C-alpha atoms as a PDB file:
ATOM      1  CA  MET A   1      -0.058  -0.020   0.033  1.00  0.00           C
ATOM      2  CA  SER A   2       1.395   3.383  -0.971  1.00  0.00           C
ATOM      3  CA  PRO A   3       2.036   5.943   1.725  1.00  0.00           C
ATOM      4  CA  GLU A   4      -0.628   8.165   0.195  1.00  0.00           C
ATOM      5  CA  LYS A   5      -3.269   5.441   0.574  1.00  0.00           C
ATOM      6  CA  GLN A   6      -2.314   4.420   4.118  1.00  0.00           C
ATOM      7  CA  ARG A   7      -4.637   5.433   6.903  1.00  0.00           C
ATOM      8  CA  ILE A   8      -2.189   7.045   9.329  1.00  0.00           C
ATOM      9  CA  ILE A   9      -2.666   8.114  12.943  1.00  0.00           C
ATOM     10  CA  PHE A  10      -0.040  10.718  13.820  1.00  0.00           C
ATOM     11  CA  MET A  11       0.992  11.128  17.481  1.00  0.00           C
ATOM     12  CA  GLY A  12       3.195  14.014  18.595  1.00  0.00           C
ATOM     13  CA  THR A  13       3.194  17.129  20.831  1.00  0.00           C
ATOM     14  CA  PRO A  14       6.122  19.642  20.632  1.00  0.00           C
ATOM     15  CA  ASP A  15       7.656  21.844  17.874  1.00  0.00           C
ATOM     16  CA  PHE A  16       9.960  18.945  17.008  1.00  0.00           C
ATOM     17  CA  ALA A  17       7.081  16.850  15.572  1.00  0.00           C
ATOM     18  CA  VAL A  18       5.629  19.622  13.378  1.00  0.00           C
ATOM     19  CA  PRO A  19       7.799  19.368  10.398  1.00  0.00           C
ATOM     20  CA  SER A  20       6.984  15.675  10.091  1.00  0.00           C
ATOM     21  CA  LEU A  21       3.202  16.300  10.294  1.00  0.00           C
ATOM     22  CA  THR A  22       3.526  18.967   7.630  1.00  0.00           C
ATOM     23  CA  ALA A  23       5.536  16.539   5.511  1.00  0.00           C
ATOM     24  CA  LEU A  24       2.822  13.892   5.653  1.00  0.00           C
ATOM     25  CA  ASN A  25       0.329  16.585   4.526  1.00  0.00           C
ATOM     26  CA  LYS A  26       2.455  17.743   1.601  1.00  0.00           C
ATOM     27  CA  MET A  27       2.899  14.097   0.517  1.00  0.00           C
ATOM     28  CA  GLY A  28      -0.884  13.775   0.420  1.00  0.00           C
ATOM     29  CA  CYS A  29      -1.006  11.112   3.128  1.00  0.00           C
ATOM     30  CA  GLU A  30      -4.380  10.286   4.671  1.00  0.00           C
ATOM     31  CA  VAL A  31      -3.913  11.377   8.295  1.00  0.00           C
ATOM     32  CA  VAL A  32      -7.078  10.169   9.860  1.00  0.00           C
ATOM     33  CA  LEU A  33      -6.319  11.423  13.356  1.00  0.00           C
ATOM     34  CA  VAL A  34      -3.765  13.481  15.199  1.00  0.00           C
ATOM     35  CA  VAL A  35      -3.124  12.593  18.846  1.00  0.00           C
ATOM     36  CA  THR A  36      -1.438  15.103  21.092  1.00  0.00           C
ATOM     37  CA  GLN A  37      -1.061  16.000  24.773  1.00  0.00           C
ATOM     38  CA  PRO A  38      -4.000  17.842  26.536  1.00  0.00           C
ATOM     39  CA  ASP A  39      -3.876  21.719  26.591  1.00  0.00           C
ATOM     40  CA  ARG A  40      -1.835  23.025  29.414  1.00  0.00           C
ATOM     41  CA  PRO A  41      -1.389  26.407  31.237  1.00  0.00           C
ATOM     42  CA  LYS A  42       1.935  28.124  30.436  1.00  0.00           C
ATOM     43  CA  GLY A  43       3.840  31.194  31.515  1.00  0.00           C
ATOM     44  CA  ARG A  44       3.418  33.584  34.346  1.00  0.00           C
ATOM     45  CA  GLY A  45      -0.251  34.211  33.398  1.00  0.00           C
ATOM     46  CA  ARG A  46      -0.909  30.409  33.326  1.00  0.00           C
ATOM     47  CA  LYS A  47      -2.815  30.804  30.027  1.00  0.00           C
ATOM     48  CA  VAL A  48      -3.909  27.579  28.559  1.00  0.00           C
ATOM     49  CA  VAL A  49      -2.236  27.033  25.237  1.00  0.00           C
ATOM     50  CA  TYR A  50      -2.327  24.445  22.446  1.00  0.00           C
ATOM     51  CA  SER A  51       0.596  22.177  21.753  1.00  0.00           C
ATOM     52  CA  PRO A  52       2.428  23.052  18.525  1.00  0.00           C
ATOM     53  CA  VAL A  53       1.210  19.796  16.959  1.00  0.00           C
ATOM     54  CA  LYS A  54      -2.401  20.691  17.837  1.00  0.00           C
ATOM     55  CA  GLN A  55      -2.061  24.112  16.403  1.00  0.00           C
ATOM     56  CA  THR A  56      -0.717  22.748  13.114  1.00  0.00           C
ATOM     57  CA  ALA A  57      -3.309  19.979  12.990  1.00  0.00           C
ATOM     58  CA  LEU A  58      -6.079  22.712  13.330  1.00  0.00           C
ATOM     59  CA  GLU A  59      -4.539  24.670  10.482  1.00  0.00           C
ATOM     60  CA  LEU A  60      -4.366  21.528   8.328  1.00  0.00           C
ATOM     61  CA  GLY A  61      -7.992  20.541   9.081  1.00  0.00           C
ATOM     62  CA  TYR A  62      -7.242  17.248  10.884  1.00  0.00           C
ATOM     63  CA  SER A  63      -9.325  15.563  13.536  1.00  0.00           C
ATOM     64  CA  ILE A  64      -7.638  15.719  16.954  1.00  0.00           C
ATOM     65  CA  ALA A  65      -7.640  13.680  20.159  1.00  0.00           C
ATOM     66  CA  GLN A  66      -6.014  14.771  23.473  1.00  0.00           C
ATOM     67  CA  PRO A  67      -6.178  11.856  25.854  1.00  0.00           C
ATOM     68  CA  ALA A  68      -5.103  12.387  29.489  1.00  0.00           C
ATOM     69  CA  SER A  69      -4.185   8.723  29.376  1.00  0.00           C
ATOM     70  CA  VAL A  70      -3.495   6.201  26.624  1.00  0.00           C
ATOM     71  CA  LYS A  71      -4.432   3.285  28.821  1.00  0.00           C
ATOM     72  CA  THR A  72      -8.204   3.789  28.935  1.00  0.00           C
ATOM     73  CA  SER A  73     -10.867   1.761  27.079  1.00  0.00           C
ATOM     74  CA  GLU A  74     -12.188   4.989  25.596  1.00  0.00           C
ATOM     75  CA  PHE A  75      -8.806   5.729  23.957  1.00  0.00           C
ATOM     76  CA  PHE A  76      -8.595   2.163  22.675  1.00  0.00           C
ATOM     77  CA  ASP A  77     -12.029   2.297  21.122  1.00  0.00           C
ATOM     78  CA  LEU A  78     -11.322   5.691  19.541  1.00  0.00           C
ATOM     79  CA  ILE A  79      -8.031   4.436  17.914  1.00  0.00           C
ATOM     80  CA  ASN A  80      -9.567   1.118  16.882  1.00  0.00           C
ATOM     81  CA  SER A  81     -12.613   2.865  15.180  1.00  0.00           C
ATOM     82  CA  CYS A  82     -10.158   4.818  12.907  1.00  0.00           C
ATOM     83  CA  THR A  83      -8.955   1.495  11.403  1.00  0.00           C
ATOM     84  CA  PRO A  84      -5.411   2.785  10.900  1.00  0.00           C
ATOM     85  CA  ASP A  85      -2.800   1.074   8.857  1.00  0.00           C
ATOM     86  CA  LEU A  86       0.015   2.777  10.463  1.00  0.00           C
ATOM     87  CA  PHE A  87       1.007   4.907  13.549  1.00  0.00           C
ATOM     88  CA  VAL A  88       3.684   7.699  13.087  1.00  0.00           C
ATOM     89  CA  VAL A  89       4.866   8.642  16.573  1.00  0.00           C
ATOM     90  CA  ILE A  90       7.232  11.612  17.215  1.00  0.00           C
ATOM     91  CA  ALA A  91       7.835  13.083  20.655  1.00  0.00           C
ATOM     92  CA  PHE A  92       4.350  12.225  21.770  1.00  0.00           C
ATOM     93  CA  GLY A  93       5.089  12.029  25.476  1.00  0.00           C
ATOM     94  CA  HIS A  94       3.376   8.678  26.290  1.00  0.00           C
ATOM     95  CA  ILE A  95       4.534   5.089  26.112  1.00  0.00           C
ATOM     96  CA  LEU A  96       1.880   3.239  24.168  1.00  0.00           C
ATOM     97  CA  PRO A  97       0.614  -0.033  25.754  1.00  0.00           C
ATOM     98  CA  LYS A  98       0.648  -3.364  23.906  1.00  0.00           C
ATOM     99  CA  ASN A  99      -3.073  -3.320  23.093  1.00  0.00           C
ATOM    100  CA  ILE A 100      -2.730   0.075  21.333  1.00  0.00           C
ATOM    101  CA  LEU A 101       0.344  -0.926  19.449  1.00  0.00           C
ATOM    102  CA  ALA A 102      -1.428  -3.960  18.153  1.00  0.00           C
ATOM    103  CA  ILE A 103      -4.158  -1.962  16.444  1.00  0.00           C
ATOM    104  CA  PRO A 104      -2.498  -0.660  13.178  1.00  0.00           C
ATOM    105  CA  LYS A 105      -2.255  -3.265  10.484  1.00  0.00           C
ATOM    106  CA  GLN A 106       1.345  -2.323   9.539  1.00  0.00           C
ATOM    107  CA  GLY A 107       2.645  -1.420  12.874  1.00  0.00           C
ATOM    108  CA  ALA A 108       3.940   1.873  14.384  1.00  0.00           C
ATOM    109  CA  ILE A 109       6.954   3.873  13.435  1.00  0.00           C
ATOM    110  CA  ASN A 110       8.731   6.072  15.897  1.00  0.00           C
ATOM    111  CA  LEU A 111      11.327   8.712  15.019  1.00  0.00           C
ATOM    112  CA  HIS A 112      13.825   9.482  17.806  1.00  0.00           C
ATOM    113  CA  ALA A 113      16.419  12.267  17.935  1.00  0.00           C
ATOM    114  CA  SER A 114      19.546  10.157  18.397  1.00  0.00           C
ATOM    115  CA  LEU A 115      21.450   7.412  16.801  1.00  0.00           C
ATOM    116  CA  LEU A 116      20.049   4.583  18.747  1.00  0.00           C
ATOM    117  CA  PRO A 117      20.782   2.735  21.001  1.00  0.00           C
ATOM    118  CA  LYS A 118      22.661   5.812  22.264  1.00  0.00           C
ATOM    119  CA  TYR A 119      20.597   8.395  24.132  1.00  0.00           C
ATOM    120  CA  ARG A 120      17.300   6.633  24.677  1.00  0.00           C
ATOM    121  CA  GLY A 121      14.881   8.719  26.654  1.00  0.00           C
ATOM    122  CA  PRO A 122      13.276  12.188  26.757  1.00  0.00           C
ATOM    123  CA  ALA A 123      16.313  14.525  26.248  1.00  0.00           C
ATOM    124  CA  PRO A 124      18.698  13.054  23.651  1.00  0.00           C
ATOM    125  CA  ILE A 125      19.493  16.392  22.016  1.00  0.00           C
ATOM    126  CA  GLN A 126      20.533  18.144  25.131  1.00  0.00           C
ATOM    127  CA  TRP A 127      22.651  15.317  26.453  1.00  0.00           C
ATOM    128  CA  ALA A 128      24.434  14.860  23.054  1.00  0.00           C
ATOM    129  CA  VAL A 129      25.565  18.513  23.261  1.00  0.00           C
ATOM    130  CA  ILE A 130      26.359  18.298  27.010  1.00  0.00           C
ATOM    131  CA  ASN A 131      28.470  15.251  26.343  1.00  0.00           C
ATOM    132  CA  ARG A 132      30.446  16.910  23.581  1.00  0.00           C
ATOM    133  CA  GLU A 133      29.403  14.431  20.896  1.00  0.00           C
ATOM    134  CA  ASN A 134      30.532  15.349  17.374  1.00  0.00           C
ATOM    135  CA  LYS A 135      27.573  13.761  15.746  1.00  0.00           C
ATOM    136  CA  THR A 136      24.064  12.667  16.396  1.00  0.00           C
ATOM    137  CA  GLY A 137      20.998  11.967  14.307  1.00  0.00           C
ATOM    138  CA  ILE A 138      17.509  10.565  13.750  1.00  0.00           C
ATOM    139  CA  THR A 139      16.520   6.997  14.048  1.00  0.00           C
ATOM    140  CA  ALA A 140      13.317   5.583  12.541  1.00  0.00           C
ATOM    141  CA  MET A 141      12.293   2.444  14.342  1.00  0.00           C
ATOM    142  CA  LEU A 142       9.366  -0.047  14.708  1.00  0.00           C
ATOM    143  CA  MET A 143       7.812   0.555  18.115  1.00  0.00           C
ATOM    144  CA  ASP A 144       7.625  -2.026  20.762  1.00  0.00           C
ATOM    145  CA  GLN A 145       6.641  -1.713  24.431  1.00  0.00           C
ATOM    146  CA  GLY A 146      10.058  -0.479  25.601  1.00  0.00           C
ATOM    147  CA  LEU A 147      11.481   3.043  25.776  1.00  0.00           C
ATOM    148  CA  ASP A 148      13.176   3.565  22.365  1.00  0.00           C
ATOM    149  CA  THR A 149      14.065  -0.108  22.144  1.00  0.00           C
ATOM    150  CA  GLY A 150      12.409  -1.108  18.812  1.00  0.00           C
ATOM    151  CA  ASP A 151      14.128  -2.532  15.714  1.00  0.00           C
ATOM    152  CA  ILE A 152      15.828   0.137  13.584  1.00  0.00           C
ATOM    153  CA  LEU A 153      14.554   0.783  10.073  1.00  0.00           C
ATOM    154  CA  MET A 154      16.746   3.832   8.990  1.00  0.00           C
ATOM    155  CA  THR A 155      19.033   6.430  10.358  1.00  0.00           C
ATOM    156  CA  SER A 156      20.194   9.895   9.380  1.00  0.00           C
ATOM    157  CA  GLU A 157      23.399  11.422  10.835  1.00  0.00           C
ATOM    158  CA  ILE A 158      23.855  15.125  11.744  1.00  0.00           C
ATOM    159  CA  ASP A 159      27.101  16.829  12.691  1.00  0.00           C
ATOM    160  CA  ILE A 160      27.253  18.739  15.959  1.00  0.00           C
ATOM    161  CA  SER A 161      29.363  21.876  15.804  1.00  0.00           C
ATOM    162  CA  SER A 162      31.358  23.432  18.687  1.00  0.00           C
ATOM    163  CA  LYS A 163      28.854  26.388  18.565  1.00  0.00           C
ATOM    164  CA  ASP A 164      25.655  24.365  18.577  1.00  0.00           C
ATOM    165  CA  THR A 165      23.144  24.953  21.354  1.00  0.00           C
ATOM    166  CA  SER A 166      20.421  22.295  21.908  1.00  0.00           C
ATOM    167  CA  SER A 167      17.969  24.797  20.339  1.00  0.00           C
ATOM    168  CA  LEU A 168      19.940  25.089  17.092  1.00  0.00           C
ATOM    169  CA  LEU A 169      20.589  21.346  16.868  1.00  0.00           C
ATOM    170  CA  HIS A 170      16.846  20.667  17.687  1.00  0.00           C
ATOM    171  CA  ASP A 171      15.761  22.722  14.593  1.00  0.00           C
ATOM    172  CA  ARG A 172      18.115  20.833  12.269  1.00  0.00           C
ATOM    173  CA  LEU A 173      17.055  17.461  13.689  1.00  0.00           C
ATOM    174  CA  ALA A 174      13.378  18.301  13.307  1.00  0.00           C
ATOM    175  CA  LEU A 175      13.840  18.888   9.653  1.00  0.00           C
ATOM    176  CA  ALA A 176      15.992  15.786   9.258  1.00  0.00           C
ATOM    177  CA  ALA A 177      13.230  13.742  10.961  1.00  0.00           C
ATOM    178  CA  SER A 178      10.612  14.891   8.422  1.00  0.00           C
ATOM    179  CA  ASP A 179      12.996  13.891   5.540  1.00  0.00           C
ATOM    180  CA  LEU A 180      13.727  10.545   7.087  1.00  0.00           C
ATOM    181  CA  LEU A 181      10.011   9.881   7.707  1.00  0.00           C
ATOM    182  CA  ILE A 182       9.229  10.186   4.097  1.00  0.00           C
ATOM    183  CA  LYS A 183      12.143   7.980   3.137  1.00  0.00           C
ATOM    184  CA  THR A 184      11.063   5.433   5.638  1.00  0.00           C
ATOM    185  CA  LEU A 185       7.531   5.353   4.411  1.00  0.00           C
ATOM    186  CA  SER A 186       8.762   4.947   0.799  1.00  0.00           C
ATOM    187  CA  GLY A 187      11.150   2.180   1.877  1.00  0.00           C
ATOM    188  CA  LEU A 188       8.412   0.314   3.604  1.00  0.00           C
ATOM    189  CA  GLU A 189       6.302   0.583   0.532  1.00  0.00           C
ATOM    190  CA  ALA A 190       9.002  -0.784  -1.663  1.00  0.00           C
ATOM    191  CA  ASN A 191       9.832  -3.460   0.772  1.00  0.00           C
ATOM    192  CA  THR A 192      13.515  -2.476   0.867  1.00  0.00           C
ATOM    193  CA  LEU A 193      13.954  -1.982   4.621  1.00  0.00           C
ATOM    194  CA  THR A 194      15.128  -4.765   6.967  1.00  0.00           C
ATOM    195  CA  PRO A 195      14.533  -4.034  10.664  1.00  0.00           C
ATOM    196  CA  VAL A 196      17.670  -4.403  12.667  1.00  0.00           C
ATOM    197  CA  PRO A 197      17.528  -5.196  16.418  1.00  0.00           C
ATOM    198  CA  GLN A 198      19.246  -2.665  18.663  1.00  0.00           C
ATOM    199  CA  ASP A 199      22.394  -3.848  20.575  1.00  0.00           C
ATOM    200  CA  ASN A 200      21.232  -3.234  24.118  1.00  0.00           C
ATOM    201  CA  SER A 201      24.834  -3.519  25.449  1.00  0.00           C
ATOM    202  CA  LEU A 202      25.516  -0.165  23.730  1.00  0.00           C
ATOM    203  CA  ALA A 203      22.465   1.632  25.077  1.00  0.00           C
ATOM    204  CA  THR A 204      22.690   4.818  26.968  1.00  0.00           C
ATOM    205  CA  TYR A 205      19.968   6.970  28.564  1.00  0.00           C
ATOM    206  CA  ALA A 206      19.234  10.628  28.255  1.00  0.00           C
ATOM    207  CA  PRO A 207      17.099  11.633  31.341  1.00  0.00           C
ATOM    208  CA  LEU A 208      14.778  14.594  31.372  1.00  0.00           C
ATOM    209  CA  LEU A 209      16.363  17.762  32.724  1.00  0.00           C
ATOM    210  CA  LYS A 210      14.725  19.767  35.487  1.00  0.00           C
ATOM    211  CA  LYS A 211      15.265  23.388  36.386  1.00  0.00           C
ATOM    212  CA  LYS A 212      17.540  22.545  39.283  1.00  0.00           C
ATOM    213  CA  ASP A 213      19.794  20.563  36.891  1.00  0.00           C
ATOM    214  CA  GLY A 214      20.972  23.830  35.317  1.00  0.00           C
ATOM    215  CA  ARG A 215      23.331  24.744  38.143  1.00  0.00           C
ATOM    216  CA  ILE A 216      27.023  24.879  36.959  1.00  0.00           C
ATOM    217  CA  ASP A 217      29.450  22.619  38.667  1.00  0.00           C
ATOM    218  CA  TRP A 218      32.669  24.610  38.526  1.00  0.00           C
ATOM    219  CA  SER A 219      34.787  21.572  39.485  1.00  0.00           C
ATOM    220  CA  LYS A 220      34.345  20.315  36.004  1.00  0.00           C
ATOM    221  CA  SER A 221      36.612  21.401  33.136  1.00  0.00           C
ATOM    222  CA  ALA A 222      36.038  24.666  31.323  1.00  0.00           C
ATOM    223  CA  GLU A 223      35.372  22.553  28.197  1.00  0.00           C
ATOM    224  CA  ASP A 224      32.708  20.493  29.851  1.00  0.00           C
ATOM    225  CA  ILE A 225      30.999  23.517  31.432  1.00  0.00           C
ATOM    226  CA  GLU A 226      31.003  25.438  28.119  1.00  0.00           C
ATOM    227  CA  ALA A 227      29.285  22.380  26.450  1.00  0.00           C
ATOM    228  CA  PHE A 228      26.877  22.158  29.425  1.00  0.00           C
ATOM    229  CA  ILE A 229      25.925  25.818  28.955  1.00  0.00           C
ATOM    230  CA  ARG A 230      25.148  25.158  25.219  1.00  0.00           C
ATOM    231  CA  GLY A 231      23.393  21.875  25.923  1.00  0.00           C
ATOM    232  CA  ILE A 232      20.806  23.291  28.262  1.00  0.00           C
ATOM    233  CA  ASN A 233      20.168  26.451  26.192  1.00  0.00           C
ATOM    234  CA  PRO A 234      17.280  27.271  26.220  1.00  0.00           C
ATOM    235  CA  TRP A 235      16.018  24.817  28.868  1.00  0.00           C
ATOM    236  CA  PRO A 236      16.587  24.607  31.733  1.00  0.00           C
ATOM    237  CA  GLY A 237      19.309  27.148  31.294  1.00  0.00           C
ATOM    238  CA  ALA A 238      22.742  27.220  33.020  1.00  0.00           C
ATOM    239  CA  PHE A 239      23.055  29.253  36.199  1.00  0.00           C
ATOM    240  CA  THR A 240      25.361  29.970  39.066  1.00  0.00           C
ATOM    241  CA  MET A 241      24.946  31.867  42.348  1.00  0.00           C
ATOM    242  CA  ASN A 242      26.865  35.050  43.378  1.00  0.00           C
ATOM    243  CA  GLY A 243      25.818  34.998  47.095  1.00  0.00           C
ATOM    244  CA  GLU A 244      22.005  35.121  47.035  1.00  0.00           C
ATOM    245  CA  LYS A 245      21.911  36.466  43.481  1.00  0.00           C
ATOM    246  CA  ARG A 246      21.154  33.980  40.657  1.00  0.00           C
ATOM    247  CA  LEU A 247      23.050  34.556  37.479  1.00  0.00           C
ATOM    248  CA  LYS A 248      21.917  32.770  34.285  1.00  0.00           C
ATOM    249  CA  ILE A 249      24.791  32.075  31.777  1.00  0.00           C
ATOM    250  CA  PHE A 250      23.948  31.837  28.084  1.00  0.00           C
ATOM    251  CA  ALA A 251      27.339  31.656  26.420  1.00  0.00           C
ATOM    252  CA  ALA A 252      31.043  31.266  27.335  1.00  0.00           C
ATOM    253  CA  ASP A 253      34.520  30.614  25.934  1.00  0.00           C
ATOM    254  CA  VAL A 254      37.200  28.288  27.151  1.00  0.00           C
ATOM    255  CA  ILE A 255      40.556  30.022  28.013  1.00  0.00           C
ATOM    256  CA  ALA A 256      43.573  27.753  28.389  1.00  0.00           C
ATOM    257  CA  SER A 257      45.257  28.688  31.631  1.00  0.00           C
ATOM    258  CA  SER A 258      47.586  27.128  34.285  1.00  0.00           C
ATOM    259  CA  ILE A 259      46.044  29.427  37.013  1.00  0.00           C
ATOM    260  CA  LYS A 260      45.154  27.258  40.095  1.00  0.00           C
ATOM    261  CA  GLN A 261      42.298  28.801  42.068  1.00  0.00           C
ATOM    262  CA  PRO A 262      39.338  27.067  43.812  1.00  0.00           C
ATOM    263  CA  PRO A 263      36.701  26.239  41.156  1.00  0.00           C
ATOM    264  CA  GLY A 264      34.137  29.040  40.836  1.00  0.00           C
ATOM    265  CA  THR A 265      36.592  31.787  41.833  1.00  0.00           C
ATOM    266  CA  VAL A 266      36.528  34.958  39.732  1.00  0.00           C
ATOM    267  CA  VAL A 267      40.189  35.339  38.807  1.00  0.00           C
ATOM    268  CA  GLY A 268      39.994  38.292  36.363  1.00  0.00           C
ATOM    269  CA  GLU A 269      37.554  41.006  35.619  1.00  0.00           C
ATOM    270  CA  THR A 270      38.013  43.906  33.201  1.00  0.00           C
ATOM    271  CA  ARG A 271      35.590  46.236  31.449  1.00  0.00           C
ATOM    272  CA  GLU A 272      35.059  43.511  28.831  1.00  0.00           C
ATOM    273  CA  HIS A 273      35.833  40.180  30.348  1.00  0.00           C
ATOM    274  CA  LEU A 274      34.866  37.927  33.329  1.00  0.00           C
ATOM    275  CA  PHE A 275      37.074  34.897  33.851  1.00  0.00           C
ATOM    276  CA  VAL A 276      36.194  32.050  36.300  1.00  0.00           C
ATOM    277  CA  ALA A 277      38.365  29.315  37.527  1.00  0.00           C
ATOM    278  CA  THR A 278      37.230  25.731  36.865  1.00  0.00           C
ATOM    279  CA  GLY A 279      38.593  22.203  37.408  1.00  0.00           C
ATOM    280  CA  LYS A 280      40.775  22.834  34.298  1.00  0.00           C
ATOM    281  CA  ASP A 281      41.376  26.106  32.514  1.00  0.00           C
ATOM    282  CA  LEU A 282      39.175  29.273  32.737  1.00  0.00           C
ATOM    283  CA  LEU A 283      35.771  30.026  31.582  1.00  0.00           C
ATOM    284  CA  SER A 284      35.219  33.425  30.049  1.00  0.00           C
ATOM    285  CA  ILE A 285      31.583  34.344  30.433  1.00  0.00           C
ATOM    286  CA  LYS A 286      30.129  36.038  27.306  1.00  0.00           C
ATOM    287  CA  GLU A 287      26.463  36.464  28.017  1.00  0.00           C
ATOM    288  CA  ILE A 288      24.697  36.780  31.352  1.00  0.00           C
ATOM    289  CA  GLN A 289      21.403  37.637  32.977  1.00  0.00           C
ATOM    290  CA  GLU A 290      20.450  38.477  36.557  1.00  0.00           C
ATOM    291  CA  GLU A 291      17.217  37.018  37.893  1.00  0.00           C
ATOM    292  CA  SER A 292      14.283  39.179  36.620  1.00  0.00           C
ATOM    293  CA  GLY A 293      16.799  41.275  34.639  1.00  0.00           C
ATOM    294  CA  LYS A 294      17.656  41.650  30.992  1.00  0.00           C
ATOM    295  CA  ARG A 295      20.085  39.435  29.058  1.00  0.00           C
ATOM    296  CA  HIS A 296      23.413  41.273  28.373  1.00  0.00           C
ATOM    297  CA  ASN A 297      26.669  40.605  26.740  1.00  0.00           C
ATOM    298  CA  ILE A 298      29.348  40.607  29.457  1.00  0.00           C
ATOM    299  CA  LYS A 299      30.740  44.031  28.411  1.00  0.00           C
ATOM    300  CA  ASP A 300      27.443  45.742  28.949  1.00  0.00           C
ATOM    301  CA  TYR A 301      26.722  43.854  32.152  1.00  0.00           C
ATOM    302  CA  LEU A 302      30.078  44.793  33.713  1.00  0.00           C
ATOM    303  CA  CYS A 303      29.392  48.454  32.976  1.00  0.00           C
ATOM    304  CA  GLY A 304      26.739  48.417  35.699  1.00  0.00           C
ATOM    305  CA  CYS A 305      27.789  45.502  37.901  1.00  0.00           C
ATOM    306  CA  ASN A 306      31.201  44.624  39.077  1.00  0.00           C
ATOM    307  CA  ILE A 307      32.054  41.110  40.162  1.00  0.00           C
ATOM    308  CA  ARG A 308      35.414  41.536  41.889  1.00  0.00           C
ATOM    309  CA  PRO A 309      38.384  38.974  41.588  1.00  0.00           C
ATOM    310  CA  GLY A 310      38.169  36.591  44.537  1.00  0.00           C
ATOM    311  CA  THR A 311      34.433  36.393  44.378  1.00  0.00           C
ATOM    312  CA  ILE A 312      33.373  32.669  44.520  1.00  0.00           C
ATOM    313  CA  LEU A 313      30.424  31.689  42.367  1.00  0.00           C
ATOM    314  CA  GLY A 314      28.627  28.464  43.221  1.00  0.00           C
END
């Protein structure tokens, strides 16, 4: 059955999944239902907002379901009534139970933002940057009941540059996912894909990052801290404390140095630079923001706020 004639149920929630849903629409696929997370309050005003996938589905005229749970009989009946040939699942946010996965005639495809079996889990993009990987990618797999454990159908590699933030890498990977999805559907139609089991002995996990996880550990090397700052930009955002004052760090450079000071010690401050000792080398902070303040480059920030040498950040 050609991809255009398949009855597809698409499941996804965040921005990452939007290019793939759009690609299915452009290809002329029959998307019989879009399943996404329930609307949630967001921001200081706690205004209820649609997920990016719901917003796109509304614009494209698709039917939408937003179950609070995928384990209810009501959700099973809804999915079963759609008589789907295939699920396409991208960053949905739920693990589908066995009875749901058994519904589509041709199974379920999941696209994951790593080269599996590395970085299974909810935050593969961030951890790839944090861990200073030089490449990552997208994996298209057949879904099973495990967390990103299904047999691999296709992969697409993406280089990670030394300047990539998780945000920049996210956007490139989202587009790569949409391209790989179409190639995977075409490969399945042509019967040219052979599912390959993952080597579980090589598996690593990319756990969800919480706000508290953004605190900088100055005992690590400057290289590791700089990658950490990029990897959690924009969420949860790297920060350190200057006394009771929370400082958010957006960008930094590594400065080779033999200076030996306790990690977190400010060892140099001029009108344009702020250098901090780490476990190895110095970190030159480039962009900074005080809590409830504006984001500044370091030169502008130091014009109005001095952080004297000997100050210990933590």
